[in-house]
C-alpha atoms as a PDB file:
ATOM      1  CA  MET A   1     111.779  23.365  86.208  1.00  0.00           C
ATOM      2  CA  ASN A   2     110.495  26.582  87.814  1.00  0.00           C
ATOM      3  CA  THR A   3     112.753  27.670  90.637  1.00  0.00           C
ATOM      4  CA  CYS A   4     112.478  31.303  91.505  1.00  0.00           C
ATOM      5  CA  LEU A   5     115.759  31.367  93.417  1.00  0.00           C
ATOM      6  CA  SER A   6     118.644  28.950  93.886  1.00  0.00           C
ATOM      7  CA  ILE A   7     121.754  29.650  95.928  1.00  0.00           C
ATOM      8  CA  LEU A   8     124.678  27.645  94.572  1.00  0.00           C
ATOM      9  CA  LEU A   9     128.414  27.261  95.021  1.00  0.00           C
ATOM     10  CA  ALA A  10     130.776  26.148  92.253  1.00  0.00           C
ATOM     11  CA  ILE A  11     134.369  25.003  92.563  1.00  0.00           C
ATOM     12  CA  SER A  12     136.417  25.069  89.363  1.00  0.00           C
ATOM     13  CA  THR A  13     139.814  24.627  87.774  1.00  0.00           C
ATOM     14  CA  HIS A  14     141.094  26.336  84.626  1.00  0.00           C
ATOM     15  CA  LEU A  15     143.057  24.253  82.118  1.00  0.00           C
ATOM     16  CA  GLY A  16     145.238  25.687  79.345  1.00  0.00           C
ATOM     17  CA  LEU A  17     145.268  29.241  80.729  1.00  0.00           C
ATOM     18  CA  ASP A  18     148.201  31.286  82.069  1.00  0.00           C
ATOM     19  CA  GLY A  19     146.485  33.505  84.664  1.00  0.00           C
ATOM     20  CA  ASN A  20     145.884  32.996  88.363  1.00  0.00           C
ATOM     21  CA  TYR A  21     142.102  32.571  88.568  1.00  0.00           C
ATOM     22  CA  ASN A  22     139.543  32.409  91.338  1.00  0.00           C
ATOM     23  CA  ASN A  23     138.261  28.852  91.806  1.00  0.00           C
ATOM     24  CA  ILE A  24     135.347  29.473  94.231  1.00  0.00           C
ATOM     25  CA  HIS A  25     132.131  30.861  92.726  1.00  0.00           C
ATOM     26  CA  PRO A  26     129.118  31.751  94.922  1.00  0.00           C
ATOM     27  CA  HIS A  27     126.093  31.902  92.635  1.00  0.00           C
ATOM     28  CA  ALA A  28     122.450  33.044  92.792  1.00  0.00           C
ATOM     29  CA  ARG A  29     120.081  31.949  90.026  1.00  0.00           C
ATOM     30  CA  CYS A  30     116.446  32.236  88.975  1.00  0.00           C
ATOM     31  CA  THR A  31     115.064  29.552  86.625  1.00  0.00           C
ATOM     32  CA  VAL A  32     111.648  29.832  84.939  1.00  0.00           C
ATOM     33  CA  ASN A  33     110.597  27.463  82.132  1.00  0.00           C
ATOM     34  CA  ASP A  34     114.264  26.655  81.333  1.00  0.00           C
ATOM     35  CA  TRP A  35     115.174  30.372  81.096  1.00  0.00           C
ATOM     36  CA  ILE A  36     117.976  31.272  83.495  1.00  0.00           C
ATOM     37  CA  THR A  37     119.260  34.517  84.950  1.00  0.00           C
ATOM     38  CA  GLY A  38     121.622  35.150  87.802  1.00  0.00           C
ATOM     39  CA  ALA A  39     124.852  36.484  89.217  1.00  0.00           C
ATOM     40  CA  TYR A  40     128.080  34.859  90.370  1.00  0.00           C
ATOM     41  CA  TYR A  41     131.593  35.717  91.526  1.00  0.00           C
ATOM     42  CA  ASN A  42     133.626  34.890  88.435  1.00  0.00           C
ATOM     43  CA  SER A  43     137.138  33.596  87.760  1.00  0.00           C
ATOM     44  CA  GLU A  44     138.494  37.151  87.366  1.00  0.00           C
ATOM     45  CA  LYS A  45     137.195  38.090  90.837  1.00  0.00           C
ATOM     46  CA  ASN A  46     134.345  40.222  89.445  1.00  0.00           C
ATOM     47  CA  ILE A  47     130.575  39.884  89.653  1.00  0.00           C
ATOM     48  CA  SER A  48     129.075  38.451  86.455  1.00  0.00           C
ATOM     49  CA  TYR A  49     125.421  38.753  85.468  1.00  0.00           C
ATOM     50  CA  TYR A  50     123.925  36.425  82.887  1.00  0.00           C
ATOM     51  CA  ILE A  51     120.781  35.489  81.035  1.00  0.00           C
ATOM     52  CA  GLY A  52     120.261  32.357  79.014  1.00  0.00           C
ATOM     53  CA  LYS A  53     118.372  29.176  78.276  1.00  0.00           C
ATOM     54  CA  LYS A  54     118.798  25.572  79.397  1.00  0.00           C
ATOM     55  CA  ILE A  55     118.645  23.200  76.444  1.00  0.00           C
ATOM     56  CA  SER A  56     119.066  19.584  77.470  1.00  0.00           C
ATOM     57  CA  ASN A  57     122.406  19.493  79.367  1.00  0.00           C
ATOM     58  CA  PHE A  58     123.585  22.845  77.981  1.00  0.00           C
ATOM     59  CA  GLU A  59     123.247  26.409  79.229  1.00  0.00           C
ATOM     60  CA  ILE A  60     123.566  28.994  76.461  1.00  0.00           C
ATOM     61  CA  GLY A  61     123.372  32.748  76.898  1.00  0.00           C
ATOM     62  CA  LEU A  62     125.158  36.043  77.467  1.00  0.00           C
ATOM     63  CA  VAL A  63     127.331  37.041  80.439  1.00  0.00           C
ATOM     64  CA  THR A  64     128.984  40.233  81.717  1.00  0.00           C
ATOM     65  CA  GLY A  65     131.886  40.844  84.108  1.00  0.00           C
ATOM     66  CA  TYR A  66     134.918  39.646  82.142  1.00  0.00           C
ATOM     67  CA  SER A  67     137.826  41.863  81.062  1.00  0.00           C
ATOM     68  CA  SER A  68     137.851  40.646  77.438  1.00  0.00           C
ATOM     69  CA  TYR A  69     134.293  41.781  76.565  1.00  0.00           C
ATOM     70  CA  ASP A  70     131.517  43.919  78.022  1.00  0.00           C
ATOM     71  CA  VAL A  71     129.083  41.138  77.078  1.00  0.00           C
ATOM     72  CA  ALA A  72     130.339  37.677  76.108  1.00  0.00           C
ATOM     73  CA  PRO A  73     128.695  34.497  74.852  1.00  0.00           C
ATOM     74  CA  MET A  74     128.210  31.814  77.488  1.00  0.00           C
ATOM     75  CA  ILE A  75     127.946  28.054  77.059  1.00  0.00           C
ATOM     76  CA  ARG A  76     128.266  25.294  79.661  1.00  0.00           C
ATOM     77  CA  TYR A  77     127.711  21.573  79.508  1.00  0.00           C
ATOM     78  CA  ILE A  78     126.308  20.292  82.829  1.00  0.00           C
ATOM     79  CA  LYS A  79     125.776  16.719  84.021  1.00  0.00           C
ATOM     80  CA  ASP A  80     125.085  15.640  87.630  1.00  0.00           C
ATOM     81  CA  GLY A  81     126.548  18.879  89.036  1.00  0.00           C
ATOM     82  CA  TRP A  82     129.733  18.701  86.938  1.00  0.00           C
ATOM     83  CA  PHE A  83     130.284  21.336  84.265  1.00  0.00           C
ATOM     84  CA  VAL A  84     132.656  22.093  81.400  1.00  0.00           C
ATOM     85  CA  ALA A  85     132.890  25.465  79.661  1.00  0.00           C
ATOM     86  CA  PRO A  86     135.235  26.940  77.061  1.00  0.00           C
ATOM     87  CA  ALA A  87     137.563  29.669  78.370  1.00  0.00           C
ATOM     88  CA  TYR A  88     139.235  32.581  76.591  1.00  0.00           C
ATOM     89  CA  GLU A  89     142.160  34.426  78.107  1.00  0.00           C
ATOM     90  CA  LYS A  90     143.791  36.485  75.335  1.00  0.00           C
ATOM     91  CA  PRO A  91     144.149  36.231  71.547  1.00  0.00           C
ATOM     92  CA  GLY A  92     145.343  32.749  70.701  1.00  0.00           C
ATOM     93  CA  ASN A  93     145.059  31.388  74.253  1.00  0.00           C
ATOM     94  CA  TYR A  94     142.016  29.239  74.843  1.00  0.00           C
ATOM     95  CA  GLY A  95     141.317  26.666  77.505  1.00  0.00           C
ATOM     96  CA  ILE A  96     138.507  25.036  79.435  1.00  0.00           C
ATOM     97  CA  THR A  97     136.971  25.462  82.838  1.00  0.00           C
ATOM     98  CA  ILE A  98     135.927  22.281  84.641  1.00  0.00           C
ATOM     99  CA  GLY A  99     134.056  22.308  87.905  1.00  0.00           C
ATOM    100  CA  TYR A 100     131.367  21.075  90.224  1.00  0.00           C
ATOM    101  CA  GLU A 101     128.342  23.078  91.366  1.00  0.00           C
ATOM    102  CA  LEU A 102     126.284  22.309  94.455  1.00  0.00           C
END
């Protein structure tokens, strides 16, 4: 799929984490030959920029904008608008983010 620009909105919930996270994520994306790049308002209420690759129902790449790392690995499983992604809050506290993107 070659889409120069998509404007998206994701709604999410965070399971297994202690913090109070943003659940509304406006998102702009460019997709060219399954390569993806974009920006979104993340769970920590910061702007995240990412680059990655779509492989089947997975998105794998690198993302910025989170307090734990300057640049972090990114992976999401996506099916029919629904997504699941691992989440990291602090040492020893991991969870998942589940959401829907339209």
